[in-house]
Amino acid sequence: MRKHTAEHPTGYVVYNIRELRRKHLLTQRELAAKVGISYSVISRIEGGDRTRARTVRALAAALHVTPEELLLKAPDA
């Protein structure tokens, strides 16, 4: 399993999606349904796989943040 941390750029998006999903009390399946994708895509993203820009935009909207916040913002310590 890959280790994702705030020090690693991929870690931002992985950490942010996971933490925001949990903050909104959503399962991977629930978030996927809100976005209109399969839950396996959410699982792969949270596992560190890359994703398309339109998926990032849809995830950001569902999680009430901007795409930039989702991709670039370091998690609050």
C-alpha atoms as a PDB file:
ATOM      1  CA  MET A   1       0.000   0.000   0.000  1.00  0.00           C
ATOM      2  CA  ARG A   2       1.267   3.465  -0.862  1.00  0.00           C
ATOM      3  CA  LYS A   3       1.853   5.934   1.906  1.00  0.00           C
ATOM      4  CA  HIS A   4       0.361   9.356   1.226  1.00  0.00           C
ATOM      5  CA  THR A   5       1.378  12.302   3.304  1.00  0.00           C
ATOM      6  CA  ALA A   6       0.989  16.033   3.028  1.00  0.00           C
ATOM      7  CA  GLU A   7       4.655  16.240   2.020  1.00  0.00           C
ATOM      8  CA  HIS A   8       3.876  14.304  -1.168  1.00  0.00           C
ATOM      9  CA  PRO A   9       1.699  16.182  -3.724  1.00  0.00           C
ATOM     10  CA  THR A  10      -0.421  13.113  -4.465  1.00  0.00           C
ATOM     11  CA  GLY A  11      -0.984  12.903  -0.746  1.00  0.00           C
ATOM     12  CA  TYR A  12      -2.892  16.183  -0.726  1.00  0.00           C
ATOM     13  CA  VAL A  13      -5.659  15.029  -3.018  1.00  0.00           C
ATOM     14  CA  VAL A  14      -5.824  11.558  -1.481  1.00  0.00           C
ATOM     15  CA  TYR A  15      -5.876  12.917   2.053  1.00  0.00           C
ATOM     16  CA  ASN A  16      -8.249  15.768   1.242  1.00  0.00           C
ATOM     17  CA  ILE A  17     -10.808  13.587  -0.537  1.00  0.00           C
ATOM     18  CA  ARG A  18     -10.767  10.991   2.215  1.00  0.00           C
ATOM     19  CA  GLU A  19     -10.952  13.513   5.046  1.00  0.00           C
ATOM     20  CA  LEU A  20     -13.638  15.653   3.408  1.00  0.00           C
ATOM     21  CA  ARG A  21     -15.682  12.553   2.606  1.00  0.00           C
ATOM     22  CA  ARG A  22     -15.456  11.495   6.245  1.00  0.00           C
ATOM     23  CA  LYS A  23     -16.227  15.025   7.460  1.00  0.00           C
ATOM     24  CA  HIS A  24     -19.448  14.920   5.423  1.00  0.00           C
ATOM     25  CA  LEU A  25     -20.164  11.443   6.847  1.00  0.00           C
ATOM     26  CA  LEU A  26     -20.163   9.857   3.405  1.00  0.00           C
ATOM     27  CA  THR A  27     -19.097   6.373   2.428  1.00  0.00           C
ATOM     28  CA  GLN A  28     -17.183   5.864  -0.783  1.00  0.00           C
ATOM     29  CA  ARG A  29     -20.399   4.539  -2.331  1.00  0.00           C
ATOM     30  CA  GLU A  30     -22.405   7.588  -1.215  1.00  0.00           C
ATOM     31  CA  LEU A  31     -19.830  10.039  -2.549  1.00  0.00           C
ATOM     32  CA  ALA A  32     -19.632   8.115  -5.808  1.00  0.00           C
ATOM     33  CA  ALA A  33     -23.422   8.280  -6.167  1.00  0.00           C
ATOM     34  CA  LYS A  34     -23.378  12.067  -5.575  1.00  0.00           C
ATOM     35  CA  VAL A  35     -20.707  12.462  -8.253  1.00  0.00           C
ATOM     36  CA  GLY A  36     -22.167   9.946 -10.695  1.00  0.00           C
ATOM     37  CA  ILE A  37     -19.223   7.549 -10.799  1.00  0.00           C
ATOM     38  CA  SER A  38     -18.633   4.055  -9.464  1.00  0.00           C
ATOM     39  CA  TYR A  39     -17.390   3.638  -5.937  1.00  0.00           C
ATOM     40  CA  SER A  40     -14.381   1.740  -7.270  1.00  0.00           C
ATOM     41  CA  VAL A  41     -13.195   5.007  -8.839  1.00  0.00           C
ATOM     42  CA  ILE A  42     -13.338   6.691  -5.414  1.00  0.00           C
ATOM     43  CA  SER A  43     -11.462   3.752  -3.940  1.00  0.00           C
ATOM     44  CA  ARG A  44      -8.763   3.967  -6.610  1.00  0.00           C
ATOM     45  CA  ILE A  45      -8.417   7.741  -6.170  1.00  0.00           C
ATOM     46  CA  GLU A  46      -8.115   7.368  -2.402  1.00  0.00           C
ATOM     47  CA  GLY A  47      -5.559   4.658  -3.100  1.00  0.00           C
ATOM     48  CA  GLY A  48      -3.424   7.111  -5.043  1.00  0.00           C
ATOM     49  CA  ASP A  49      -4.462   6.624  -8.669  1.00  0.00           C
ATOM     50  CA  ARG A  50      -4.668   9.660 -10.897  1.00  0.00           C
ATOM     51  CA  THR A  51      -8.018  10.968 -12.047  1.00  0.00           C
ATOM     52  CA  ARG A  52      -9.476  13.164 -14.738  1.00  0.00           C
ATOM     53  CA  ALA A  53      -9.980  16.888 -14.293  1.00  0.00           C
ATOM     54  CA  ARG A  54     -13.746  16.589 -14.694  1.00  0.00           C
ATOM     55  CA  THR A  55     -13.845  14.004 -11.904  1.00  0.00           C
ATOM     56  CA  VAL A  56     -11.857  16.335  -9.649  1.00  0.00           C
ATOM     57  CA  ARG A  57     -14.310  19.155 -10.408  1.00  0.00           C
ATOM     58  CA  ALA A  58     -17.284  16.902  -9.640  1.00  0.00           C
ATOM     59  CA  LEU A  59     -15.704  15.652  -6.411  1.00  0.00           C
ATOM     60  CA  ALA A  60     -14.892  19.187  -5.333  1.00  0.00           C
ATOM     61  CA  ALA A  61     -18.468  20.312  -5.943  1.00  0.00           C
ATOM     62  CA  ALA A  62     -19.855  17.338  -4.001  1.00  0.00           C
ATOM     63  CA  LEU A  63     -17.473  18.068  -1.129  1.00  0.00           C
ATOM     64  CA  HIS A  64     -18.168  21.841  -1.155  1.00  0.00           C
ATOM     65  CA  VAL A  65     -14.629  22.971  -1.959  1.00  0.00           C
ATOM     66  CA  THR A  66     -12.884  24.315  -5.030  1.00  0.00           C
ATOM     67  CA  PRO A  67     -10.861  21.959  -7.209  1.00  0.00           C
ATOM     68  CA  GLU A  68      -7.776  23.937  -6.230  1.00  0.00           C
ATOM     69  CA  GLU A  69      -8.448  23.339  -2.541  1.00  0.00           C
ATOM     70  CA  LEU A  70      -8.909  19.661  -3.200  1.00  0.00           C
ATOM     71  CA  LEU A  71      -5.696  19.326  -5.194  1.00  0.00           C
ATOM     72  CA  LEU A  72      -3.309  21.838  -3.735  1.00  0.00           C
ATOM     73  CA  LYS A  73      -4.255  22.750  -0.215  1.00  0.00           C
ATOM     74  CA  ALA A  74      -2.246  21.053   2.465  1.00  0.00           C
ATOM     75  CA  PRO A  75      -4.495  19.451   5.052  1.00  0.00           C
ATOM     76  CA  ASP A  76      -5.004  21.461   8.208  1.00  0.00           C
ATOM     77  CA  ALA A  77      -2.703  20.231  10.917  1.00  0.00           C
END
